[in-house]
Amino acid sequence: MLRWGPKPREGDNMTEHNEDYWMMKANQGLAWLNENDAGAFGTVLEDTLNLLVASASDATEAERLWGAIRSIAGMLPNSFIKRGRGSSLSPEVQASVDSVMNTAQNVFAPFCEEHFAFLRLVVLPHGKTGGDYADAEAMTQSFVDRIKRVLMVSLKEDRWDGTTENGIPVGITPPAVVEKEGDSEE
């Protein structure tokens, strides 16, 4: 099996490294489950993640369990299974961001679906993109992506600490209003 990343150096204790890695992955999944509803998969996913914690020292078993976890969680919207480089956010904050995105998806999807004939005439993609949205799903995804950008900027600017309650960000503050030159009355 091909693996990406640096090759282990001679003398590295791979068992310890693998155990830490699998514990981090399991904790990431458990934090996500704490904030998000996995529906019918929730119990199975939680049990499998707990089994991964217990089996973290056995690299072969942990690899098998992670394959099962990826298969199950990969079917869920905005799950902790992501392509590409991992998140730099803590598992708890990433789970909160995912929770808000799931809530946004649940709010916007029915609205966009029901009113798409009207919305596609008055709500257009970003100016550089041009055209219109192909369908209600594309429009919904655009709204969800915009919300994620707002959350990430809020985290970066310390206007939000990453806490949520039932998929709603708690304590997020809007950016300060910046007055443009010439806007003030004298």
Protein backbone atom coordinates (compact mmCIF):
# COMPACT_ATOMS: atom_id res chain seq x y z
CA MET A 1 0.00 0.00 0.00
CA LEU A 2 1.38 3.42 -0.94
CA ARG A 3 1.53 6.00 1.81
CA TRP A 4 2.00 9.73 1.43
CA GLY A 5 4.17 11.78 3.69
CA PRO A 6 7.71 11.53 4.98
CA LYS A 7 9.31 8.14 5.23
CA PRO A 8 9.95 6.92 8.75
CA ARG A 9 13.52 7.41 9.91
CA GLU A 10 15.57 4.54 11.22
CA GLY A 11 14.83 4.06 14.89
CA ASP A 12 11.47 5.86 14.84
CA ASN A 13 8.90 4.13 17.00
CA MET A 14 6.12 3.67 14.44
CA THR A 15 3.80 1.94 16.91
CA GLU A 16 3.73 5.03 19.11
CA HIS A 17 3.33 7.33 16.08
CA ASN A 18 0.49 5.22 14.70
CA GLU A 19 -1.23 5.07 18.07
CA ASP A 20 -1.16 8.86 18.39
CA TYR A 21 -2.41 9.21 14.81
CA TRP A 22 -5.34 6.83 15.31
CA MET A 23 -6.25 8.44 18.64
CA MET A 24 -6.28 11.86 16.95
CA LYS A 25 -8.52 10.53 14.14
CA ALA A 26 -10.90 8.87 16.61
CA ASN A 27 -11.11 12.00 18.78
CA GLN A 28 -11.80 14.09 15.69
CA GLY A 29 -14.71 11.81 14.79
CA LEU A 30 -16.07 11.69 18.34
CA ALA A 31 -15.92 15.50 18.59
CA TRP A 32 -17.83 15.74 15.30
CA LEU A 33 -20.49 13.33 16.59
CA ASN A 34 -20.83 15.45 19.73
CA GLU A 35 -21.89 18.45 17.62
CA ASN A 36 -23.62 16.82 14.65
CA ASP A 37 -26.47 14.42 14.08
CA ALA A 38 -25.40 11.35 12.13
CA GLY A 39 -28.92 9.96 12.05
CA ALA A 40 -29.17 6.18 11.89
CA PHE A 41 -25.38 5.91 11.48
CA GLY A 42 -24.66 7.70 14.77
CA THR A 43 -24.55 4.71 17.09
CA VAL A 44 -22.57 2.53 14.69
CA LEU A 45 -20.12 5.33 14.00
CA GLU A 46 -19.65 6.13 17.69
CA ASP A 47 -19.11 2.47 18.58
CA THR A 48 -16.62 2.03 15.74
CA LEU A 49 -14.72 5.18 16.76
CA ASN A 50 -14.56 3.93 20.36
CA LEU A 51 -13.28 0.60 19.07
CA LEU A 52 -10.61 2.52 17.13
CA VAL A 53 -9.53 4.19 20.38
CA ALA A 54 -9.25 0.77 22.02
CA SER A 55 -7.38 -0.72 19.03
CA ALA A 56 -5.11 2.25 18.28
CA SER A 57 -1.96 0.33 19.20
CA ASP A 58 -2.64 -2.35 16.56
CA ALA A 59 -1.92 -0.57 13.25
CA THR A 60 -3.53 -3.29 11.10
CA GLU A 61 -6.77 -3.34 13.08
CA ALA A 62 -6.84 0.45 13.29
CA GLU A 63 -6.45 0.69 9.51
CA ARG A 64 -9.40 -1.68 8.99
CA LEU A 65 -11.57 0.23 11.44
CA TRP A 66 -10.66 3.55 9.83
CA GLY A 67 -11.71 2.15 6.45
CA ALA A 68 -15.13 1.29 7.90
CA ILE A 69 -15.42 4.71 9.55
CA ARG A 70 -14.53 6.47 6.28
CA SER A 71 -17.16 4.44 4.42
CA ILE A 72 -19.91 5.29 6.89
CA ALA A 73 -19.01 8.92 7.60
CA GLY A 74 -18.29 9.65 3.95
CA MET A 75 -22.01 9.30 3.22
CA LEU A 76 -22.91 12.08 5.66
CA PRO A 77 -23.06 15.75 4.63
CA ASN A 78 -20.19 17.89 5.96
CA SER A 79 -18.70 15.00 7.88
CA PHE A 80 -15.27 14.93 9.49
CA ILE A 81 -14.00 12.92 6.51
CA LYS A 82 -12.37 15.46 4.22
CA ARG A 83 -10.30 15.17 1.07
CA GLY A 84 -6.88 16.72 0.93
CA ARG A 85 -4.90 18.24 3.75
CA GLY A 86 -6.42 18.00 7.20
CA SER A 87 -7.93 20.96 8.97
CA SER A 88 -5.71 23.17 11.11
CA LEU A 89 -8.66 23.67 13.46
CA SER A 90 -9.04 21.65 16.62
CA PRO A 91 -11.46 18.71 16.23
CA GLU A 92 -14.01 20.46 18.46
CA VAL A 93 -13.97 23.71 16.45
CA GLN A 94 -14.04 21.81 13.14
CA ALA A 95 -17.05 19.87 14.42
CA SER A 96 -18.75 23.18 15.30
CA VAL A 97 -18.09 24.60 11.83
CA ASP A 98 -19.48 21.41 10.28
CA SER A 99 -22.52 21.62 12.56
CA VAL A 100 -23.29 25.18 11.43
CA MET A 101 -22.83 24.14 7.79
CA ASN A 102 -25.24 21.23 8.27
CA THR A 103 -27.79 23.60 9.81
CA ALA A 104 -27.33 26.03 6.92
CA GLN A 105 -27.82 23.18 4.44
CA ASN A 106 -31.04 22.15 6.20
CA VAL A 107 -32.34 25.74 6.22
CA PHE A 108 -31.42 26.77 2.68
CA ALA A 109 -32.14 23.54 0.77
CA PRO A 110 -35.95 23.52 1.13
CA PHE A 111 -36.16 27.29 0.64
CA CYS A 112 -34.06 27.28 -2.54
CA GLU A 113 -35.90 24.23 -3.86
CA GLU A 114 -39.33 25.76 -3.30
CA HIS A 115 -38.52 29.21 -4.66
CA PHE A 116 -35.84 28.39 -7.24
CA ALA A 117 -37.78 29.73 -10.27
CA PHE A 118 -37.85 33.17 -8.65
CA LEU A 119 -34.46 33.05 -6.90
CA ARG A 120 -32.52 32.12 -10.04
CA LEU A 121 -33.65 35.42 -11.60
CA VAL A 122 -32.60 37.67 -8.71
CA VAL A 123 -29.81 35.79 -6.90
CA LEU A 124 -26.77 35.33 -9.09
CA PRO A 125 -23.38 33.74 -8.47
CA HIS A 126 -20.33 35.85 -7.71
CA GLY A 127 -19.80 38.57 -10.31
CA LYS A 128 -16.68 36.93 -11.77
CA THR A 129 -18.51 33.63 -12.21
CA GLY A 130 -21.34 35.08 -14.25
CA GLY A 131 -24.41 33.20 -15.45
CA ASP A 132 -26.92 31.76 -13.04
CA TYR A 133 -27.20 28.75 -10.77
CA ALA A 134 -27.82 25.46 -12.60
CA ASP A 135 -30.19 24.19 -9.92
CA ALA A 136 -31.37 24.71 -6.35
CA GLU A 137 -28.64 22.39 -5.05
CA ALA A 138 -25.89 24.57 -6.57
CA MET A 139 -27.50 27.68 -5.09
CA THR A 140 -27.77 26.05 -1.66
CA GLN A 141 -24.12 24.94 -1.80
CA SER A 142 -23.10 28.51 -2.66
CA PHE A 143 -24.90 29.82 0.44
CA VAL A 144 -23.33 27.12 2.63
CA ASP A 145 -19.85 27.90 1.25
CA ARG A 146 -20.39 31.61 1.98
CA ILE A 147 -21.35 30.81 5.56
CA LYS A 148 -18.23 28.69 5.96
CA ARG A 149 -16.08 31.61 4.74
CA VAL A 150 -17.76 33.93 7.26
CA LEU A 151 -17.11 31.42 10.06
CA MET A 152 -13.46 30.93 9.11
CA VAL A 153 -12.81 34.69 8.91
CA SER A 154 -14.59 35.16 12.25
CA LEU A 155 -12.32 32.54 13.83
CA LYS A 156 -9.22 34.09 12.30
CA GLU A 157 -10.19 37.58 13.52
CA ASP A 158 -11.11 36.26 17.00
CA ARG A 159 -14.74 37.33 16.61
CA TRP A 160 -15.91 33.78 17.32
CA ASP A 161 -14.45 31.10 19.56
CA GLY A 162 -15.98 28.16 17.70
CA THR A 163 -18.80 27.33 20.10
CA THR A 164 -22.23 26.33 18.88
CA GLU A 165 -25.56 25.38 20.33
CA ASN A 166 -27.74 23.10 18.20
CA GLY A 167 -25.86 24.08 15.04
CA ILE A 168 -26.07 27.83 15.71
CA PRO A 169 -22.86 29.79 16.37
CA VAL A 170 -22.77 31.26 19.87
CA GLY A 171 -21.07 34.59 20.56
CA ILE A 172 -20.13 35.41 16.97
CA THR A 173 -19.84 39.15 16.40
CA PRO A 174 -20.05 40.95 13.06
CA PRO A 175 -17.00 42.81 11.77
CA ALA A 176 -16.69 46.46 12.70
CA VAL A 177 -18.16 48.93 10.23
CA VAL A 178 -15.41 50.74 8.39
CA GLU A 179 -16.32 54.24 7.33
CA LYS A 180 -15.05 55.16 3.90
CA GLU A 181 -13.32 58.47 3.39
CA GLY A 182 -15.88 61.15 2.57
CA ASP A 183 -18.77 59.26 4.22
CA SER A 184 -18.73 61.27 7.43
CA GLU A 185 -20.82 64.40 7.72
CA GLU A 186 -19.04 67.53 8.86
